[in-house]
Amino acid sequence: MRFTWILLFLATTSCATDPSYQYIRGGETVNQPGVSFVLPESRSWVAIIRSTYEAAFGASDMPKNDTLIVGVRIYNAPLYADKQEFLEAVKKDRGAGPEIGRFKIIRNNEELSSTRSETCVEHKSASKDFGVEAKRGGEYSILETYGMNCIHPIKPQVGVLVELSRKAPPGTKFPEFDAMAKALLRSAKFGEF
């Protein structure tokens, strides 16, 4: 009988603690400390992570095996002497990480933004993702990212990453990806913390 009560308790508490997801319509502004942005209009979104320094929203209406994620991260950054030093630091940071064989870069580009008044480095990349087990020669997905790292204009010791990423089987098309990413980056506005 005691075992039955324990199972009943566990079942009841697990139901009570199921996550409640925050759904947001495309086109709505999301406010994070220090930055705000507008979620792409053509999709509905669900908050995957929402904390003071990080947020991730997944498109809720994507085809099977296809994901679309908006990610924002606030991070500590050293003070940089100039824009070129920031560009080199972003390149080094984006290239860092253990070589475990999971990803094979197809293309990658990082350059200083010509459209922002803030110091920002835009990046656009695509990689083969062989999954957690990293079985080269096996099946893989394509991971595309389009984003920017910026020095916060009010607090220059703070960096801000805003990014749209897509993971899908090879050969699947999503022609609006670049336009969605550009609109997301244009929508980013920096404010007080």
Protein backbone atom coordinates (compact mmCIF):
# COMPACT_ATOMS: atom_id res chain seq x y z
CA MET A 1 0.00 0.00 0.00
CA ARG A 2 2.83 2.37 0.86
CA PHE A 3 4.37 1.74 -2.59
CA THR A 4 1.04 2.63 -4.23
CA TRP A 5 0.94 5.95 -2.37
CA ILE A 6 4.50 6.75 -3.43
CA LEU A 7 3.63 6.05 -7.09
CA LEU A 8 0.47 8.13 -6.80
CA PHE A 9 2.46 10.99 -5.21
CA LEU A 10 5.09 10.88 -7.95
CA ALA A 11 2.46 10.80 -10.68
CA THR A 12 0.58 13.72 -9.15
CA THR A 13 3.64 15.90 -8.59
CA SER A 14 5.04 15.18 -12.04
CA CYS A 15 1.77 16.33 -13.59
CA ALA A 16 1.80 19.45 -11.46
CA THR A 17 5.35 20.34 -12.52
CA ASP A 18 4.99 19.84 -16.27
CA PRO A 19 6.51 22.84 -18.02
CA SER A 20 4.16 25.54 -19.18
CA TYR A 21 5.43 26.93 -22.45
CA GLN A 22 5.08 30.55 -23.41
CA TYR A 23 3.69 30.92 -26.94
CA ILE A 24 4.35 34.14 -28.83
CA ARG A 25 3.00 35.29 -32.17
CA GLY A 26 5.43 36.25 -34.87
CA GLY A 27 5.93 39.99 -35.19
CA GLU A 28 5.87 40.56 -31.43
CA THR A 29 8.70 42.36 -29.66
CA VAL A 30 10.65 40.39 -27.06
CA ASN A 31 12.38 42.38 -24.33
CA GLN A 32 15.50 41.03 -22.65
CA PRO A 33 17.67 43.07 -20.29
CA GLY A 34 19.77 45.33 -22.54
CA VAL A 35 18.23 44.28 -25.86
CA SER A 36 14.90 43.84 -27.59
CA PHE A 37 14.07 42.20 -30.92
CA VAL A 38 11.08 41.24 -33.05
CA LEU A 39 10.35 37.56 -33.68
CA PRO A 40 9.95 36.75 -37.40
CA GLU A 41 6.36 37.36 -38.49
CA SER A 42 5.68 34.32 -40.64
CA ARG A 43 5.80 31.85 -37.74
CA SER A 44 4.43 31.28 -34.27
CA TRP A 45 7.04 30.76 -31.57
CA VAL A 46 7.44 28.95 -28.27
CA ALA A 47 9.92 30.00 -25.58
CA ILE A 48 12.44 27.19 -25.04
CA ILE A 49 14.76 29.11 -22.69
CA ARG A 50 13.97 32.41 -21.05
CA SER A 51 16.37 33.80 -18.46
CA THR A 52 18.02 37.13 -17.72
CA TYR A 53 21.01 36.48 -19.97
CA GLU A 54 19.68 34.01 -22.53
CA ALA A 55 16.56 33.36 -24.56
CA ALA A 56 15.69 30.83 -27.24
CA PHE A 57 12.47 30.58 -29.22
CA GLY A 58 11.55 27.72 -31.52
CA ALA A 59 9.16 27.99 -34.45
CA SER A 60 6.21 25.80 -33.56
CA ASP A 61 4.95 25.13 -37.07
CA MET A 62 7.92 23.64 -38.90
CA PRO A 63 7.91 20.47 -41.01
CA LYS A 64 9.12 17.21 -39.47
CA ASN A 65 12.92 17.08 -38.91
CA ASP A 66 13.21 20.83 -39.54
CA THR A 67 13.86 23.30 -36.70
CA LEU A 68 14.07 27.07 -36.66
CA ILE A 69 15.46 28.80 -33.54
CA VAL A 70 15.89 32.46 -32.56
CA GLY A 71 18.58 32.76 -29.92
CA VAL A 72 19.82 35.72 -27.88
CA ARG A 73 22.64 35.67 -25.35
CA ILE A 74 24.12 38.42 -23.18
CA TYR A 75 27.73 37.79 -22.11
CA ASN A 76 30.70 39.46 -20.44
CA ALA A 77 33.23 40.82 -22.89
CA PRO A 78 36.60 42.51 -22.46
CA LEU A 79 37.01 46.06 -23.66
CA TYR A 80 38.29 46.06 -27.23
CA ALA A 81 40.72 48.60 -28.67
CA ASP A 82 38.81 48.89 -31.94
CA LYS A 83 36.33 47.17 -34.27
CA GLN A 84 39.02 45.06 -35.93
CA GLU A 85 40.08 43.61 -32.57
CA PHE A 86 36.43 42.74 -31.85
CA LEU A 87 36.10 41.05 -35.26
CA GLU A 88 39.20 38.93 -34.59
CA ALA A 89 37.91 37.99 -31.12
CA VAL A 90 34.53 36.90 -32.52
CA LYS A 91 36.23 34.83 -35.22
CA LYS A 92 38.43 33.15 -32.63
CA ASP A 93 35.51 32.51 -30.26
CA ARG A 94 33.25 31.10 -32.97
CA GLY A 95 36.06 28.80 -34.12
CA ALA A 96 36.82 27.59 -30.59
CA GLY A 97 35.46 24.38 -29.19
CA PRO A 98 36.48 20.78 -29.07
CA GLU A 99 37.00 18.94 -32.35
CA ILE A 100 34.73 15.95 -31.72
CA GLY A 101 33.84 15.27 -35.32
CA ARG A 102 30.19 16.25 -35.03
CA PHE A 103 30.32 19.25 -37.38
CA LYS A 104 31.97 19.76 -40.76
CA ILE A 105 31.92 23.36 -41.94
CA ILE A 106 30.52 23.87 -45.43
CA ARG A 107 30.84 27.66 -45.46
CA ASN A 108 31.48 30.38 -42.91
CA ASN A 109 31.74 34.15 -43.13
CA GLU A 110 32.25 36.76 -40.38
CA GLU A 111 32.54 40.47 -41.11
CA LEU A 112 31.94 43.83 -39.49
CA SER A 113 28.37 45.01 -40.01
CA SER A 114 27.99 47.79 -42.54
CA THR A 115 24.34 48.42 -41.59
CA ARG A 116 24.57 48.94 -37.80
CA SER A 117 25.80 52.05 -35.99
CA GLU A 118 26.94 49.83 -33.08
CA THR A 119 30.08 47.70 -33.33
CA CYS A 120 28.71 44.39 -34.61
CA VAL A 121 30.12 41.36 -36.38
CA GLU A 122 27.66 39.53 -38.60
CA HIS A 123 28.14 35.85 -39.34
CA LYS A 124 26.59 33.42 -41.76
CA SER A 125 27.54 29.76 -41.78
CA ALA A 126 26.44 26.28 -42.74
CA SER A 127 27.74 22.96 -41.44
CA LYS A 128 27.04 19.29 -41.75
CA ASP A 129 25.81 18.03 -38.37
CA PHE A 130 26.53 14.33 -37.92
CA GLY A 131 24.70 14.22 -34.59
CA VAL A 132 25.78 13.39 -31.08
CA GLU A 133 27.45 10.14 -32.13
CA ALA A 134 29.35 11.92 -34.93
CA LYS A 135 29.28 9.04 -37.40
CA ARG A 136 31.10 10.42 -40.42
CA GLY A 137 29.89 8.98 -43.67
CA GLY A 138 26.45 8.43 -42.16
CA GLU A 139 23.34 10.55 -42.18
CA TYR A 140 23.62 14.20 -41.31
CA SER A 141 21.58 17.37 -41.09
CA ILE A 142 22.47 20.83 -42.32
CA LEU A 143 22.84 23.50 -39.63
CA GLU A 144 22.61 27.08 -40.91
CA THR A 145 23.18 30.13 -38.73
CA TYR A 146 22.82 33.82 -39.48
CA GLY A 147 23.49 36.25 -36.67
CA MET A 148 25.54 38.98 -35.11
CA ASN A 149 27.66 39.66 -32.05
CA CYS A 150 27.61 43.27 -30.85
CA ILE A 151 29.35 45.35 -28.24
CA HIS A 152 26.54 46.83 -26.18
CA PRO A 153 26.60 50.60 -26.85
CA ILE A 154 25.71 51.54 -23.25
CA LYS A 155 27.84 48.93 -21.48
CA PRO A 156 30.88 48.16 -23.67
CA GLN A 157 31.97 45.34 -21.33
CA VAL A 158 28.86 43.42 -22.42
CA GLY A 159 28.45 41.45 -25.63
CA VAL A 160 25.14 40.54 -27.26
CA LEU A 161 24.54 37.66 -29.65
CA VAL A 162 21.36 37.61 -31.75
CA GLU A 163 20.99 34.67 -34.13
CA LEU A 164 18.58 32.69 -36.28
CA SER A 165 19.47 29.05 -36.87
CA ARG A 166 17.92 26.27 -38.89
CA LYS A 167 18.60 22.55 -38.81
CA ALA A 168 17.12 20.31 -41.50
CA PRO A 169 17.84 17.30 -43.66
CA PRO A 170 20.10 18.02 -46.67
CA GLY A 171 18.28 19.15 -49.77
CA THR A 172 15.31 20.69 -47.98
CA LYS A 173 14.63 24.25 -49.04
CA PHE A 174 13.65 27.22 -46.88
CA PRO A 175 14.12 30.23 -49.18
CA GLU A 176 12.91 32.80 -46.63
CA PHE A 177 15.71 31.99 -44.13
CA ASP A 178 18.06 34.84 -45.13
CA ALA A 179 15.27 37.44 -45.25
CA MET A 180 13.98 36.32 -41.84
CA ALA A 181 17.48 36.52 -40.34
CA LYS A 182 18.15 39.97 -41.80
CA ALA A 183 14.83 41.26 -40.43
CA LEU A 184 15.64 39.79 -37.00
CA LEU A 185 19.06 41.48 -36.92
CA ARG A 186 17.61 44.83 -38.09
CA SER A 187 14.98 44.65 -35.34
CA ALA A 188 17.54 44.38 -32.50
CA LYS A 189 17.55 47.50 -30.34
CA PHE A 190 19.88 48.10 -27.43
CA GLY A 191 18.67 49.66 -24.19
CA GLU A 192 19.22 49.92 -20.46
CA PHE A 193 19.74 46.91 -18.21
